[in-house]
Amino acid sequence: MGLRAKVTIHGEAIAPMDRFVIEGGHRLSGAISPAGNKNAALPLLAASLLTNEPLTLHNIPNIGDVRTKLQLLEGAACAYRAYWTA
């Protein structure tokens, strides 16, 4: 069983990332890069069969399901180059 941090906001305990409470009249700014998601990546890889044009997909997770889908696409005469990040 993993460790879970106890998070409280205004004395109320919440699970991490359940919600954000924003107070005050300050404008929010910034950017985040969400982690790659296989549930988004697999349909995009399948949809790549619909074009003959080069296609670039970013933030695709390096996981077994994605690697298997790439092997299937390779078997369907698709060429790909994968540049995985750490």
Protein backbone atom coordinates (compact mmCIF):
# COMPACT_ATOMS: atom_id res chain seq x y z
CA MET A 1 0.00 0.00 0.00
CA GLY A 2 1.46 3.38 -1.02
CA LEU A 3 1.91 6.36 1.22
CA ARG A 4 -0.68 9.11 0.97
CA ALA A 5 -0.06 12.63 2.11
CA LYS A 6 -2.69 14.33 4.22
CA VAL A 7 -3.72 17.59 2.61
CA THR A 8 -5.87 20.21 4.31
CA ILE A 9 -7.27 23.45 2.98
CA HIS A 10 -8.85 25.75 5.53
CA GLY A 11 -8.83 22.86 7.99
CA GLU A 12 -10.71 20.52 5.65
CA ALA A 13 -8.90 17.30 4.72
CA ILE A 14 -8.98 16.47 1.00
CA ALA A 15 -7.34 13.85 -1.17
CA PRO A 16 -4.44 15.26 -3.21
CA MET A 17 -5.63 16.77 -6.51
CA ASP A 18 -9.33 16.35 -5.73
CA ARG A 19 -9.82 20.04 -6.26
CA PHE A 20 -8.23 23.45 -6.22
CA VAL A 21 -9.65 26.26 -4.13
CA ILE A 22 -8.84 29.64 -5.65
CA GLU A 23 -9.47 32.67 -3.49
CA GLY A 24 -8.81 36.33 -4.11
CA GLY A 25 -8.89 38.59 -7.11
CA HIS A 26 -5.60 37.48 -8.62
CA ARG A 27 -5.35 36.53 -12.26
CA LEU A 28 -4.08 32.99 -12.82
CA SER A 29 -1.32 32.30 -15.30
CA GLY A 30 1.12 29.55 -16.15
CA ALA A 31 1.26 26.30 -18.03
CA ILE A 32 1.39 22.61 -17.30
CA SER A 33 2.38 19.66 -19.43
CA PRO A 34 0.10 16.74 -18.65
CA ALA A 35 1.63 13.30 -18.77
CA GLY A 36 1.03 11.17 -21.84
CA ASN A 37 -2.12 9.12 -21.68
CA LYS A 38 -2.58 5.74 -23.40
CA ASN A 39 -6.35 6.26 -23.66
CA ALA A 40 -5.65 9.27 -25.88
CA ALA A 41 -2.56 7.90 -27.62
CA LEU A 42 -3.94 4.58 -28.90
CA PRO A 43 -6.84 6.10 -30.91
CA LEU A 44 -4.50 8.75 -32.34
CA LEU A 45 -2.09 6.07 -33.48
CA ALA A 46 -4.94 4.14 -35.12
CA ALA A 47 -6.19 7.33 -36.79
CA SER A 48 -2.74 7.82 -38.31
CA LEU A 49 -3.73 5.14 -40.85
CA LEU A 50 -6.17 7.65 -42.39
CA THR A 51 -3.48 9.84 -43.95
CA ASN A 52 -0.56 9.40 -46.30
CA GLU A 53 1.02 12.60 -44.97
CA PRO A 54 3.74 12.67 -42.32
CA LEU A 55 2.25 13.00 -38.86
CA THR A 56 3.93 14.15 -35.64
CA LEU A 57 2.48 13.18 -32.28
CA HIS A 58 3.93 14.56 -29.07
CA ASN A 59 3.76 13.37 -25.47
CA ILE A 60 3.00 9.73 -26.33
CA PRO A 61 3.79 7.48 -23.34
CA ASN A 62 6.49 4.83 -23.69
CA ILE A 63 4.40 1.90 -22.43
CA GLY A 64 3.78 -1.63 -23.66
CA ASP A 65 0.35 -0.93 -25.18
CA VAL A 66 1.75 1.94 -27.27
CA ARG A 67 4.78 -0.08 -28.38
CA THR A 68 2.48 -2.95 -29.39
CA LYS A 69 0.26 -0.58 -31.41
CA LEU A 70 3.37 0.79 -33.15
CA GLN A 71 4.41 -2.76 -34.09
CA LEU A 72 0.92 -3.37 -35.50
CA LEU A 73 1.14 -0.17 -37.53
CA GLU A 74 4.56 -1.20 -38.78
CA GLY A 75 2.97 -4.46 -39.96
CA ALA A 76 0.46 -2.34 -41.91
CA ALA A 77 3.38 -0.75 -43.83
CA CYS A 78 3.56 2.36 -41.62
CA ALA A 79 6.95 3.79 -40.76
CA TYR A 80 7.56 5.62 -37.52
CA ARG A 81 10.32 7.17 -35.46
CA ALA A 82 9.90 7.29 -31.70
CA TYR A 83 11.85 9.68 -29.53
CA TRP A 84 11.08 8.74 -25.95
CA THR A 85 11.96 11.09 -23.14
CA ALA A 86 13.15 9.90 -19.75
